[in-house]
Amino acid sequence: MPRKPKRPCSFPSCGRLTDGRYCDEHKQTAERQYNRYLRDPDTNKRYGRAWKKIRARFLLQHPLCEQCRRENRLTPAQEAHHIVPLANGGTHNENNLLALCKSCHSRITVTGVNRASIR
């Protein structure tokens, strides 16, 4: 399957070609700047080191996208989605998480699908 052509890194004055938005050298720097200056401080508290461990453990236990499995497709899960968002009183408990691939997670997040119908 053909791949998309590489594009220049979006970091100022960096011309390295990359598959994503930033090259490997600037990816962490850009993420750090985003978290520090643009992201809500309460969000940083909710998605800290503990969340990363919970997410990693959950994705190891649930390696396939649950939405794709319902549609008889086998796609690796890359995101742990909160059914009830943390901002609305949700928690990091396993019964509030859903293993999704990036495309299903984006679709659910953008469309604002009724969260009760996800499970």
PDB file of N, CA and C in Angstrom:
ATOM      1  N   MET A   1       0.841  -1.168   0.000  1.00  0.00           N
ATOM      2  CA  MET A   1       0.000   0.000   0.000  1.00  0.00           C
ATOM      3  C   MET A   1       0.894   1.241   0.000  1.00  0.00           C
ATOM      4  N   PRO A   2       0.642   2.202  -0.869  1.00  0.00           N
ATOM      5  CA  PRO A   2       1.486   3.397  -0.910  1.00  0.00           C
ATOM      6  C   PRO A   2       1.307   4.245   0.345  1.00  0.00           C
ATOM      7  N   ARG A   3       2.382   4.869   0.724  1.00  0.00           N
ATOM      8  CA  ARG A   3       2.364   5.736   1.900  1.00  0.00           C
ATOM      9  C   ARG A   3       2.292   7.188   1.472  1.00  0.00           C
ATOM     10  N   LYS A   4       1.842   8.016   2.373  1.00  0.00           N
ATOM     11  CA  LYS A   4       1.828   9.447   2.101  1.00  0.00           C
ATOM     12  C   LYS A   4       3.265   9.951   2.047  1.00  0.00           C
ATOM     13  N   PRO A   5       3.542  10.950   1.236  1.00  0.00           N
ATOM     14  CA  PRO A   5       4.895  11.497   1.208  1.00  0.00           C
ATOM     15  C   PRO A   5       5.209  12.196   2.530  1.00  0.00           C
ATOM     16  N   LYS A   6       6.484  12.165   2.891  1.00  0.00           N
ATOM     17  CA  LYS A   6       6.893  12.839   4.123  1.00  0.00           C
ATOM     18  C   LYS A   6       6.801  14.342   3.925  1.00  0.00           C
ATOM     19  N   ARG A   7       6.609  15.040   5.041  1.00  0.00           N
ATOM     20  CA  ARG A   7       6.493  16.492   4.988  1.00  0.00           C
ATOM     21  C   ARG A   7       7.485  17.112   5.961  1.00  0.00           C
ATOM     22  N   PRO A   8       7.812  18.381   5.797  1.00  0.00           N
ATOM     23  CA  PRO A   8       8.758  19.026   6.707  1.00  0.00           C
ATOM     24  C   PRO A   8       8.193  19.121   8.126  1.00  0.00           C
ATOM     25  N   CYS A   9       9.074  19.045   9.093  1.00  0.00           N
ATOM     26  CA  CYS A   9       8.717  19.202  10.502  1.00  0.00           C
ATOM     27  C   CYS A   9       8.107  20.588  10.703  1.00  0.00           C
ATOM     28  N   SER A  10       7.084  20.688  11.545  1.00  0.00           N
ATOM     29  CA  SER A  10       6.397  21.956  11.788  1.00  0.00           C
ATOM     30  C   SER A  10       7.102  22.842  12.811  1.00  0.00           C
ATOM     31  N   PHE A  11       8.162  22.333  13.423  1.00  0.00           N
ATOM     32  CA  PHE A  11       8.901  23.133  14.399  1.00  0.00           C
ATOM     33  C   PHE A  11       9.627  24.252  13.653  1.00  0.00           C
ATOM     34  N   PRO A  12       9.619  25.480  14.195  1.00  0.00           N
ATOM     35  CA  PRO A  12      10.254  26.601  13.492  1.00  0.00           C
ATOM     36  C   PRO A  12      11.707  26.317  13.129  1.00  0.00           C
ATOM     37  N   SER A  13      12.051  26.626  11.913  1.00  0.00           N
ATOM     38  CA  SER A  13      13.394  26.506  11.314  1.00  0.00           C
ATOM     39  C   SER A  13      13.924  25.067  11.278  1.00  0.00           C
ATOM     40  N   CYS A  14      13.058  24.087  11.297  1.00  0.00           N
ATOM     41  CA  CYS A  14      13.486  22.696  11.136  1.00  0.00           C
ATOM     42  C   CYS A  14      12.947  22.196   9.794  1.00  0.00           C
ATOM     43  N   GLY A  15      13.813  21.684   8.969  1.00  0.00           N
ATOM     44  CA  GLY A  15      13.395  21.227   7.652  1.00  0.00           C
ATOM     45  C   GLY A  15      13.418  19.722   7.497  1.00  0.00           C
ATOM     46  N   ARG A  16      13.617  18.986   8.606  1.00  0.00           N
ATOM     47  CA  ARG A  16      13.662  17.521   8.498  1.00  0.00           C
ATOM     48  C   ARG A  16      12.316  16.985   8.024  1.00  0.00           C
ATOM     49  N   LEU A  17      12.367  15.931   7.231  1.00  0.00           N
ATOM     50  CA  LEU A  17      11.141  15.309   6.745  1.00  0.00           C
ATOM     51  C   LEU A  17      10.644  14.292   7.769  1.00  0.00           C
ATOM     52  N   THR A  18       9.317  14.223   7.924  1.00  0.00           N
ATOM     53  CA  THR A  18       8.724  13.335   8.929  1.00  0.00           C
ATOM     54  C   THR A  18       7.366  12.828   8.451  1.00  0.00           C
ATOM     55  N   ASP A  19       6.917  11.725   9.054  1.00  0.00           N
ATOM     56  CA  ASP A  19       5.588  11.188   8.753  1.00  0.00           C
ATOM     57  C   ASP A  19       4.507  11.908   9.548  1.00  0.00           C
ATOM     58  N   GLY A  20       4.854  12.408  10.717  1.00  0.00           N
ATOM     59  CA  GLY A  20       3.886  13.089  11.570  1.00  0.00           C
ATOM     60  C   GLY A  20       4.013  14.596  11.439  1.00  0.00           C
ATOM     61  N   ARG A  21       3.607  15.286  12.488  1.00  0.00           N
ATOM     62  CA  ARG A  21       3.682  16.748  12.449  1.00  0.00           C
ATOM     63  C   ARG A  21       5.081  17.239  12.780  1.00  0.00           C
ATOM     64  N   TYR A  22       5.750  16.571  13.728  1.00  0.00           N
ATOM     65  CA  TYR A  22       7.088  16.965  14.152  1.00  0.00           C
ATOM     66  C   TYR A  22       8.061  15.811  13.964  1.00  0.00           C
ATOM     67  N   CYS A  23       9.344  16.152  13.767  1.00  0.00           N
ATOM     68  CA  CYS A  23      10.378  15.122  13.674  1.00  0.00           C
ATOM     69  C   CYS A  23      10.605  14.555  15.078  1.00  0.00           C
ATOM     70  N   ASP A  24      11.339  13.450  15.165  1.00  0.00           N
ATOM     71  CA  ASP A  24      11.570  12.800  16.457  1.00  0.00           C
ATOM     72  C   ASP A  24      12.256  13.737  17.447  1.00  0.00           C
ATOM     73  N   GLU A  25      13.140  14.585  16.954  1.00  0.00           N
ATOM     74  CA  GLU A  25      13.888  15.486  17.834  1.00  0.00           C
ATOM     75  C   GLU A  25      12.977  16.535  18.476  1.00  0.00           C
ATOM     76  N   HIS A  26      11.973  17.009  17.759  1.00  0.00           N
ATOM     77  CA  HIS A  26      11.131  18.101  18.257  1.00  0.00           C
ATOM     78  C   HIS A  26       9.781  17.654  18.802  1.00  0.00           C
ATOM     79  N   LYS A  27       9.451  16.386  18.694  1.00  0.00           N
ATOM     80  CA  LYS A  27       8.145  15.896  19.150  1.00  0.00           C
ATOM     81  C   LYS A  27       7.935  16.151  20.645  1.00  0.00           C
ATOM     82  N   GLN A  28       8.935  15.797  21.469  1.00  0.00           N
ATOM     83  CA  GLN A  28       8.807  15.991  22.916  1.00  0.00           C
ATOM     84  C   GLN A  28       8.761  17.468  23.283  1.00  0.00           C
ATOM     85  N   THR A  29       9.579  18.271  22.618  1.00  0.00           N
ATOM     86  CA  THR A  29       9.602  19.705  22.904  1.00  0.00           C
ATOM     87  C   THR A  29       8.241  20.334  22.604  1.00  0.00           C
ATOM     88  N   ALA A  30       7.663  19.994  21.469  1.00  0.00           N
ATOM     89  CA  ALA A  30       6.365  20.551  21.086  1.00  0.00           C
ATOM     90  C   ALA A  30       5.278  20.101  22.064  1.00  0.00           C
ATOM     91  N   GLU A  31       5.322  18.840  22.477  1.00  0.00           N
ATOM     92  CA  GLU A  31       4.327  18.331  23.426  1.00  0.00           C
ATOM     93  C   GLU A  31       4.460  19.032  24.775  1.00  0.00           C
ATOM     94  N   ARG A  32       5.694  19.241  25.212  1.00  0.00           N
ATOM     95  CA  ARG A  32       5.940  19.926  26.482  1.00  0.00           C
ATOM     96  C   ARG A  32       5.406  21.365  26.419  1.00  0.00           C
ATOM     97  N   GLN A  33       5.666  22.065  25.311  1.00  0.00           N
ATOM     98  CA  GLN A  33       5.180  23.433  25.164  1.00  0.00           C
ATOM     99  C   GLN A  33       3.652  23.474  25.137  1.00  0.00           C
ATOM    100  N   TYR A  34       3.043  22.530  24.450  1.00  0.00           N
ATOM    101  CA  TYR A  34       1.582  22.474  24.396  1.00  0.00           C
ATOM    102  C   TYR A  34       1.009  22.273  25.796  1.00  0.00           C
ATOM    103  N   ASN A  35       1.565  21.316  26.530  1.00  0.00           N
ATOM    104  CA  ASN A  35       1.056  21.032  27.876  1.00  0.00           C
ATOM    105  C   ASN A  35       1.253  22.221  28.817  1.00  0.00           C
ATOM    106  N   ARG A  36       2.343  22.951  28.662  1.00  0.00           N
ATOM    107  CA  ARG A  36       2.650  24.047  29.568  1.00  0.00           C
ATOM    108  C   ARG A  36       1.830  25.300  29.259  1.00  0.00           C
ATOM    109  N   TYR A  37       1.704  25.658  27.983  1.00  0.00           N
ATOM    110  CA  TYR A  37       1.129  26.959  27.638  1.00  0.00           C
ATOM    111  C   TYR A  37      -0.302  26.906  27.106  1.00  0.00           C
ATOM    112  N   LEU A  38      -0.703  25.833  26.484  1.00  0.00           N
ATOM    113  CA  LEU A  38      -2.001  25.813  25.819  1.00  0.00           C
ATOM    114  C   LEU A  38      -3.043  24.941  26.508  1.00  0.00           C
ATOM    115  N   ARG A  39      -2.607  23.931  27.223  1.00  0.00           N
ATOM    116  CA  ARG A  39      -3.544  22.997  27.843  1.00  0.00           C
ATOM    117  C   ARG A  39      -3.990  23.516  29.197  1.00  0.00           C
ATOM    118  N   ASP A  40      -5.229  23.241  29.543  1.00  0.00           N
ATOM    119  CA  ASP A  40      -5.781  23.622  30.833  1.00  0.00           C
ATOM    120  C   ASP A  40      -4.997  22.925  31.958  1.00  0.00           C
ATOM    121  N   PRO A  41      -4.551  23.650  32.986  1.00  0.00           N
ATOM    122  CA  PRO A  41      -3.768  23.028  34.072  1.00  0.00           C
ATOM    123  C   PRO A  41      -4.489  21.872  34.757  1.00  0.00           C
ATOM    124  N   ASP A  42      -5.824  21.947  34.863  1.00  0.00           N
ATOM    125  CA  ASP A  42      -6.568  20.842  35.485  1.00  0.00           C
ATOM    126  C   ASP A  42      -6.451  19.575  34.649  1.00  0.00           C
ATOM    127  N   THR A  43      -6.387  19.724  33.335  1.00  0.00           N
ATOM    128  CA  THR A  43      -6.243  18.572  32.453  1.00  0.00           C
ATOM    129  C   THR A  43      -4.896  17.899  32.692  1.00  0.00           C
ATOM    130  N   ASN A  44      -3.847  18.690  32.872  1.00  0.00           N
ATOM    131  CA  ASN A  44      -2.530  18.117  33.139  1.00  0.00           C
ATOM    132  C   ASN A  44      -2.534  17.298  34.420  1.00  0.00           C
ATOM    133  N   LYS A  45      -3.292  17.740  35.416  1.00  0.00           N
ATOM    134  CA  LYS A  45      -3.363  16.990  36.673  1.00  0.00           C
ATOM    135  C   LYS A  45      -4.083  15.660  36.478  1.00  0.00           C
ATOM    136  N   ARG A  46      -5.129  15.660  35.662  1.00  0.00           N
ATOM    137  CA  ARG A  46      -5.903  14.435  35.453  1.00  0.00           C
ATOM    138  C   ARG A  46      -5.158  13.419  34.605  1.00  0.00           C
ATOM    139  N   TYR A  47      -4.318  13.879  33.684  1.00  0.00           N
ATOM    140  CA  TYR A  47      -3.628  12.977  32.760  1.00  0.00           C
ATOM    141  C   TYR A  47      -2.130  12.947  33.040  1.00  0.00           C
ATOM    142  N   GLY A  48      -1.745  12.658  34.250  1.00  0.00           N
ATOM    143  CA  GLY A  48      -0.346  12.613  34.647  1.00  0.00           C
ATOM    144  C   GLY A  48       0.248  11.221  34.498  1.00  0.00           C
ATOM    145  N   ARG A  49       1.265  10.958  35.289  1.00  0.00           N
ATOM    146  CA  ARG A  49       1.995   9.695  35.242  1.00  0.00           C
ATOM    147  C   ARG A  49       1.101   8.504  35.590  1.00  0.00           C
ATOM    148  N   ALA A  50       0.211   8.686  36.566  1.00  0.00           N
ATOM    149  CA  ALA A  50      -0.681   7.594  36.965  1.00  0.00           C
ATOM    150  C   ALA A  50      -1.572   7.173  35.799  1.00  0.00           C
ATOM    151  N   TRP A  51      -2.102   8.156  35.044  1.00  0.00           N
ATOM    152  CA  TRP A  51      -2.951   7.842  33.895  1.00  0.00           C
ATOM    153  C   TRP A  51      -2.174   7.065  32.838  1.00  0.00           C
ATOM    154  N   LYS A  52      -0.940   7.434  32.613  1.00  0.00           N
ATOM    155  CA  LYS A  52      -0.138   6.735  31.600  1.00  0.00           C
ATOM    156  C   LYS A  52       0.031   5.263  31.961  1.00  0.00           C
ATOM    157  N   LYS A  53       0.214   4.976  33.243  1.00  0.00           N
ATOM    158  CA  LYS A  53       0.343   3.586  33.687  1.00  0.00           C
ATOM    159  C   LYS A  53      -0.980   2.840  33.536  1.00  0.00           C
ATOM    160  N   ILE A  54      -2.075   3.479  33.932  1.00  0.00           N
ATOM    161  CA  ILE A  54      -3.402   2.857  33.809  1.00  0.00           C
ATOM    162  C   ILE A  54      -3.711   2.578  32.347  1.00  0.00           C
ATOM    163  N   ARG A  55      -3.435   3.550  31.483  1.00  0.00           N
ATOM    164  CA  ARG A  55      -3.693   3.420  30.045  1.00  0.00           C
ATOM    165  C   ARG A  55      -2.885   2.280  29.437  1.00  0.00           C
ATOM    166  N   ALA A  56      -1.600   2.210  29.785  1.00  0.00           N
ATOM    167  CA  ALA A  56      -0.737   1.149  29.246  1.00  0.00           C
ATOM    168  C   ALA A  56      -1.243  -0.226  29.680  1.00  0.00           C
ATOM    169  N   ARG A  57      -1.591  -0.362  30.955  1.00  0.00           N
ATOM    170  CA  ARG A  57      -2.092  -1.637  31.464  1.00  0.00           C
ATOM    171  C   ARG A  57      -3.411  -2.012  30.786  1.00  0.00           C
ATOM    172  N   PHE A  58      -4.308  -1.035  30.624  1.00  0.00           N
ATOM    173  CA  PHE A  58      -5.608  -1.287  30.003  1.00  0.00           C
ATOM    174  C   PHE A  58      -5.434  -1.731  28.549  1.00  0.00           C
ATOM    175  N   LEU A  59      -4.551  -1.076  27.799  1.00  0.00           N
ATOM    176  CA  LEU A  59      -4.355  -1.439  26.399  1.00  0.00           C
ATOM    177  C   LEU A  59      -3.669  -2.800  26.239  1.00  0.00           C
ATOM    178  N   LEU A  60      -2.869  -3.198  27.220  1.00  0.00           N
ATOM    179  CA  LEU A  60      -2.295  -4.551  27.186  1.00  0.00           C
ATOM    180  C   LEU A  60      -3.384  -5.602  27.391  1.00  0.00           C
ATOM    181  N   GLN A  61      -4.341  -5.297  28.247  1.00  0.00           N
ATOM    182  CA  GLN A  61      -5.431  -6.227  28.523  1.00  0.00           C
ATOM    183  C   GLN A  61      -6.480  -6.226  27.416  1.00  0.00           C
ATOM    184  N   HIS A  62      -6.606  -5.126  26.687  1.00  0.00           N
ATOM    185  CA  HIS A  62      -7.602  -4.978  25.620  1.00  0.00           C
ATOM    186  C   HIS A  62      -6.887  -4.528  24.338  1.00  0.00           C
ATOM    187  N   PRO A  63      -6.232  -5.439  23.628  1.00  0.00           N
ATOM    188  CA  PRO A  63      -5.390  -5.043  22.490  1.00  0.00           C
ATOM    189  C   PRO A  63      -6.148  -4.670  21.221  1.00  0.00           C
ATOM    190  N   LEU A  64      -7.449  -4.985  21.128  1.00  0.00           N
ATOM    191  CA  LEU A  64      -8.203  -4.707  19.901  1.00  0.00           C
ATOM    192  C   LEU A  64      -9.258  -3.627  20.128  1.00  0.00           C
ATOM    193  N   CYS A  65      -9.515  -2.861  19.080  1.00  0.00           N
ATOM    194  CA  CYS A  65     -10.525  -1.806  19.127  1.00  0.00           C
ATOM    195  C   CYS A  65     -11.901  -2.439  19.313  1.00  0.00           C
ATOM    196  N   GLU A  66     -12.606  -2.027  20.344  1.00  0.00           N
ATOM    197  CA  GLU A  66     -13.910  -2.616  20.655  1.00  0.00           C
ATOM    198  C   GLU A  66     -14.971  -2.206  19.633  1.00  0.00           C
ATOM    199  N   GLN A  67     -14.880  -1.006  19.099  1.00  0.00           N
ATOM    200  CA  GLN A  67     -15.837  -0.540  18.096  1.00  0.00           C
ATOM    201  C   GLN A  67     -15.651  -1.321  16.788  1.00  0.00           C
ATOM    202  N   CYS A  68     -14.424  -1.511  16.370  1.00  0.00           N
ATOM    203  CA  CYS A  68     -14.150  -2.260  15.134  1.00  0.00           C
ATOM    204  C   CYS A  68     -14.557  -3.732  15.279  1.00  0.00           C
ATOM    205  N   ARG A  69     -14.351  -4.301  16.462  1.00  0.00           N
ATOM    206  CA  ARG A  69     -14.740  -5.706  16.680  1.00  0.00           C
ATOM    207  C   ARG A  69     -16.233  -5.888  16.507  1.00  0.00           C
ATOM    208  N   ARG A  70     -17.038  -4.894  16.909  1.00  0.00           N
ATOM    209  CA  ARG A  70     -18.490  -4.974  16.707  1.00  0.00           C
ATOM    210  C   ARG A  70     -18.845  -4.990  15.224  1.00  0.00           C
ATOM    211  N   GLU A  71     -17.975  -4.392  14.412  1.00  0.00           N
ATOM    212  CA  GLU A  71     -18.197  -4.337  12.963  1.00  0.00           C
ATOM    213  C   GLU A  71     -17.407  -5.423  12.232  1.00  0.00           C
ATOM    214  N   ASN A  72     -16.973  -6.457  12.976  1.00  0.00           N
ATOM    215  CA  ASN A  72     -16.244  -7.622  12.446  1.00  0.00           C
ATOM    216  C   ASN A  72     -14.935  -7.252  11.770  1.00  0.00           C
ATOM    217  N   ARG A  73     -14.219  -6.283  12.340  1.00  0.00           N
ATOM    218  CA  ARG A  73     -12.879  -5.922  11.877  1.00  0.00           C
ATOM    219  C   ARG A  73     -11.933  -6.085  13.045  1.00  0.00           C
ATOM    220  N   LEU A  74     -10.707  -6.477  12.771  1.00  0.00           N
ATOM    221  CA  LEU A  74      -9.699  -6.603  13.814  1.00  0.00           C
ATOM    222  C   LEU A  74      -8.676  -5.486  13.631  1.00  0.00           C
ATOM    223  N   THR A  75      -8.738  -4.499  14.518  1.00  0.00           N
ATOM    224  CA  THR A  75      -7.856  -3.345  14.455  1.00  0.00           C
ATOM    225  C   THR A  75      -7.201  -3.173  15.818  1.00  0.00           C
ATOM    226  N   PRO A  76      -5.886  -2.949  15.869  1.00  0.00           N
ATOM    227  CA  PRO A  76      -5.239  -2.739  17.174  1.00  0.00           C
ATOM    228  C   PRO A  76      -5.742  -1.472  17.861  1.00  0.00           C
ATOM    229  N   ALA A  77      -5.955  -1.579  19.152  1.00  0.00           N
ATOM    230  CA  ALA A  77      -6.388  -0.414  19.947  1.00  0.00           C
ATOM    231  C   ALA A  77      -5.174   0.450  20.251  1.00  0.00           C
ATOM    232  N   GLN A  78      -5.346   1.758  20.137  1.00  0.00           N
ATOM    233  CA  GLN A  78      -4.267   2.702  20.408  1.00  0.00           C
ATOM    234  C   GLN A  78      -4.666   3.751  21.425  1.00  0.00           C
ATOM    235  N   GLU A  79      -5.954   3.834  21.726  1.00  0.00           N
ATOM    236  CA  GLU A  79      -6.457   4.855  22.642  1.00  0.00           C
ATOM    237  C   GLU A  79      -7.335   4.215  23.713  1.00  0.00           C
ATOM    238  N   ALA A  80      -7.257   4.754  24.925  1.00  0.00           N
ATOM    239  CA  ALA A  80      -8.169   4.373  25.999  1.00  0.00           C
ATOM    240  C   ALA A  80      -9.138   5.534  26.167  1.00  0.00           C
ATOM    241  N   HIS A  81     -10.388   5.309  25.800  1.00  0.00           N
ATOM    242  CA  HIS A  81     -11.405   6.364  25.767  1.00  0.00           C
ATOM    243  C   HIS A  81     -12.234   6.321  27.046  1.00  0.00           C
ATOM    244  N   HIS A  82     -12.461   7.488  27.638  1.00  0.00           N
ATOM    245  CA  HIS A  82     -13.326   7.575  28.812  1.00  0.00           C
ATOM    246  C   HIS A  82     -14.776   7.663  28.341  1.00  0.00           C
ATOM    247  N   ILE A  83     -15.606   6.736  28.777  1.00  0.00           N
ATOM    248  CA  ILE A  83     -17.022   6.748  28.409  1.00  0.00           C
ATOM    249  C   ILE A  83     -17.689   7.970  29.025  1.00  0.00           C
ATOM    250  N   VAL A  84     -17.503   8.157  30.321  1.00  0.00           N
ATOM    251  CA  VAL A  84     -17.938   9.380  30.986  1.00  0.00           C
ATOM    252  C   VAL A  84     -16.680  10.227  31.165  1.00  0.00           C
ATOM    253  N   PRO A  85     -16.586  11.387  30.506  1.00  0.00           N
ATOM    254  CA  PRO A  85     -15.373  12.199  30.577  1.00  0.00           C
ATOM    255  C   PRO A  85     -15.017  12.580  32.012  1.00  0.00           C
ATOM    256  N   LEU A  86     -13.726  12.740  32.244  1.00  0.00           N
ATOM    257  CA  LEU A  86     -13.272  13.135  33.574  1.00  0.00           C
ATOM    258  C   LEU A  86     -13.862  14.473  33.977  1.00  0.00           C
ATOM    259  N   ALA A  87     -14.040  15.359  33.028  1.00  0.00           N
ATOM    260  CA  ALA A  87     -14.612  16.684  33.316  1.00  0.00           C
ATOM    261  C   ALA A  87     -16.064  16.583  33.777  1.00  0.00           C
ATOM    262  N   ASN A  88     -16.729  15.479  33.439  1.00  0.00           N
ATOM    263  CA  ASN A  88     -18.129  15.281  33.844  1.00  0.00           C
ATOM    264  C   ASN A  88     -18.258  14.301  35.004  1.00  0.00           C
ATOM    265  N   GLY A  89     -17.180  14.077  35.728  1.00  0.00           N
ATOM    266  CA  GLY A  89     -17.234  13.202  36.893  1.00  0.00           C
ATOM    267  C   GLY A  89     -16.817  11.769  36.631  1.00  0.00           C
ATOM    268  N   GLY A  90     -16.309  11.464  35.442  1.00  0.00           N
ATOM    269  CA  GLY A  90     -15.830  10.120  35.135  1.00  0.00           C
ATOM    270  C   GLY A  90     -14.535   9.825  35.872  1.00  0.00           C
ATOM    271  N   THR A  91     -14.153   8.559  35.862  1.00  0.00           N
ATOM    272  CA  THR A  91     -12.924   8.142  36.544  1.00  0.00           C
ATOM    273  C   THR A  91     -12.057   7.327  35.591  1.00  0.00           C
ATOM    274  N   HIS A  92     -10.883   6.957  36.088  1.00  0.00           N
ATOM    275  CA  HIS A  92      -9.978   6.103  35.317  1.00  0.00           C
ATOM    276  C   HIS A  92     -10.276   4.617  35.542  1.00  0.00           C
ATOM    277  N   ASN A  93     -11.400   4.284  36.194  1.00  0.00           N
ATOM    278  CA  ASN A  93     -11.744   2.879  36.431  1.00  0.00           C
ATOM    279  C   ASN A  93     -11.929   2.148  35.109  1.00  0.00           C
ATOM    280  N   GLU A  94     -11.596   0.875  35.114  1.00  0.00           N
ATOM    281  CA  GLU A  94     -11.658   0.077  33.893  1.00  0.00           C
ATOM    282  C   GLU A  94     -13.072   0.023  33.301  1.00  0.00           C
ATOM    283  N   ASN A  95     -14.091   0.063  34.143  1.00  0.00           N
ATOM    284  CA  ASN A  95     -15.460   0.003  33.606  1.00  0.00           C
ATOM    285  C   ASN A  95     -15.885   1.319  32.945  1.00  0.00           C
ATOM    286  N   ASN A  96     -15.058   2.364  33.045  1.00  0.00           N
ATOM    287  CA  ASN A  96     -15.324   3.634  32.375  1.00  0.00           C
ATOM    288  C   ASN A  96     -14.412   3.824  31.151  1.00  0.00           C
ATOM    289  N   LEU A  97     -13.630   2.814  30.808  1.00  0.00           N
ATOM    290  CA  LEU A  97     -12.691   2.925  29.685  1.00  0.00           C
ATOM    291  C   LEU A  97     -13.119   2.038  28.530  1.00  0.00           C
ATOM    292  N   LEU A  98     -12.742   2.450  27.338  1.00  0.00           N
ATOM    293  CA  LEU A  98     -13.070   1.737  26.119  1.00  0.00           C
ATOM    294  C   LEU A  98     -11.816   1.736  25.245  1.00  0.00           C
ATOM    295  N   ALA A  99     -11.380   0.571  24.789  1.00  0.00           N
ATOM    296  CA  ALA A  99     -10.200   0.470  23.922  1.00  0.00           C
ATOM    297  C   ALA A  99     -10.624   0.755  22.491  1.00  0.00           C
ATOM    298  N   LEU A 100      -9.997   1.763  21.872  1.00  0.00           N
ATOM    299  CA  LEU A 100     -10.359   2.171  20.517  1.00  0.00           C
ATOM    300  C   LEU A 100      -9.120   2.405  19.662  1.00  0.00           C
ATOM    301  N   CYS A 101      -9.286   2.265  18.346  1.00  0.00           N
ATOM    302  CA  CYS A 101      -8.225   2.663  17.421  1.00  0.00           C
ATOM    303  C   CYS A 101      -8.330   4.177  17.262  1.00  0.00           C
ATOM    304  N   LYS A 102      -7.324   4.792  16.655  1.00  0.00           N
ATOM    305  CA  LYS A 102      -7.311   6.249  16.528  1.00  0.00           C
ATOM    306  C   LYS A 102      -8.503   6.780  15.734  1.00  0.00           C
ATOM    307  N   SER A 103      -8.863   6.100  14.645  1.00  0.00           N
ATOM    308  CA  SER A 103      -9.963   6.613  13.822  1.00  0.00           C
ATOM    309  C   SER A 103     -11.304   6.525  14.556  1.00  0.00           C
ATOM    310  N   CYS A 104     -11.568   5.432  15.256  1.00  0.00           N
ATOM    311  CA  CYS A 104     -12.823   5.318  16.018  1.00  0.00           C
ATOM    312  C   CYS A 104     -12.849   6.338  17.155  1.00  0.00           C
ATOM    313  N   HIS A 105     -11.707   6.525  17.824  1.00  0.00           N
ATOM    314  CA  HIS A 105     -11.640   7.487  18.917  1.00  0.00           C
ATOM    315  C   HIS A 105     -11.906   8.900  18.398  1.00  0.00           C
ATOM    316  N   SER A 106     -11.325   9.252  17.273  1.00  0.00           N
ATOM    317  CA  SER A 106     -11.543  10.579  16.691  1.00  0.00           C
ATOM    318  C   SER A 106     -13.003  10.761  16.302  1.00  0.00           C
ATOM    319  N   ARG A 107     -13.584   9.738  15.686  1.00  0.00           N
ATOM    320  CA  ARG A 107     -14.978   9.826  15.259  1.00  0.00           C
ATOM    321  C   ARG A 107     -15.895  10.021  16.460  1.00  0.00           C
ATOM    322  N   ILE A 108     -15.690   9.260  17.517  1.00  0.00           N
ATOM    323  CA  ILE A 108     -16.533   9.361  18.711  1.00  0.00           C
ATOM    324  C   ILE A 108     -16.337  10.712  19.394  1.00  0.00           C
ATOM    325  N   THR A 109     -15.098  11.184  19.457  1.00  0.00           N
ATOM    326  CA  THR A 109     -14.813  12.456  20.109  1.00  0.00           C
ATOM    327  C   THR A 109     -15.417  13.623  19.340  1.00  0.00           C
ATOM    328  N   VAL A 110     -15.266  13.630  18.019  1.00  0.00           N
ATOM    329  CA  VAL A 110     -15.755  14.744  17.205  1.00  0.00           C
ATOM    330  C   VAL A 110     -17.283  14.753  17.117  1.00  0.00           C
ATOM    331  N   THR A 111     -17.875  13.597  16.899  1.00  0.00           N
ATOM    332  CA  THR A 111     -19.317  13.561  16.719  1.00  0.00           C
ATOM    333  C   THR A 111     -20.071  13.664  18.035  1.00  0.00           C
ATOM    334  N   GLY A 112     -19.392  13.416  19.152  1.00  0.00           N
ATOM    335  CA  GLY A 112     -20.072  13.485  20.438  1.00  0.00           C
ATOM    336  C   GLY A 112     -21.156  12.430  20.554  1.00  0.00           C
ATOM    337  N   VAL A 113     -20.847  11.208  20.119  1.00  0.00           N
ATOM    338  CA  VAL A 113     -21.798  10.108  20.160  1.00  0.00           C
ATOM    339  C   VAL A 113     -22.340   9.961  21.564  1.00  0.00           C
ATOM    340  N   ASN A 114     -23.612   9.619  21.663  1.00  0.00           N
ATOM    341  CA  ASN A 114     -24.231   9.396  22.965  1.00  0.00           C
ATOM    342  C   ASN A 114     -23.413   8.348  23.705  1.00  0.00           C
ATOM    343  N   ARG A 115     -22.835   8.730  24.820  1.00  0.00           N
ATOM    344  CA  ARG A 115     -21.896   7.869  25.533  1.00  0.00           C
ATOM    345  C   ARG A 115     -22.546   6.609  26.076  1.00  0.00           C
ATOM    346  N   ALA A 116     -23.828   6.655  26.352  1.00  0.00           N
ATOM    347  CA  ALA A 116     -24.514   5.465  26.858  1.00  0.00           C
ATOM    348  C   ALA A 116     -24.618   4.397  25.775  1.00  0.00           C
ATOM    349  N   SER A 117     -24.615   4.800  24.507  1.00  0.00           N
ATOM    350  CA  SER A 117     -24.758   3.831  23.420  1.00  0.00           C
ATOM    351  C   SER A 117     -23.431   3.216  22.998  1.00  0.00           C
ATOM    352  N   ILE A 118     -22.323   3.698  23.549  1.00  0.00           N
ATOM    353  CA  ILE A 118     -21.011   3.173  23.162  1.00  0.00           C
ATOM    354  C   ILE A 118     -20.858   1.734  23.606  1.00  0.00           C
ATOM    355  N   ARG A 119     -21.216   1.452  24.820  1.00  0.00           N
ATOM    356  CA  ARG A 119     -21.031   0.083  25.342  1.00  0.00           C
ATOM    357  C   ARG A 119     -22.137  -0.726  24.852  1.00  0.00           C
TER     358      ARG A 119
END
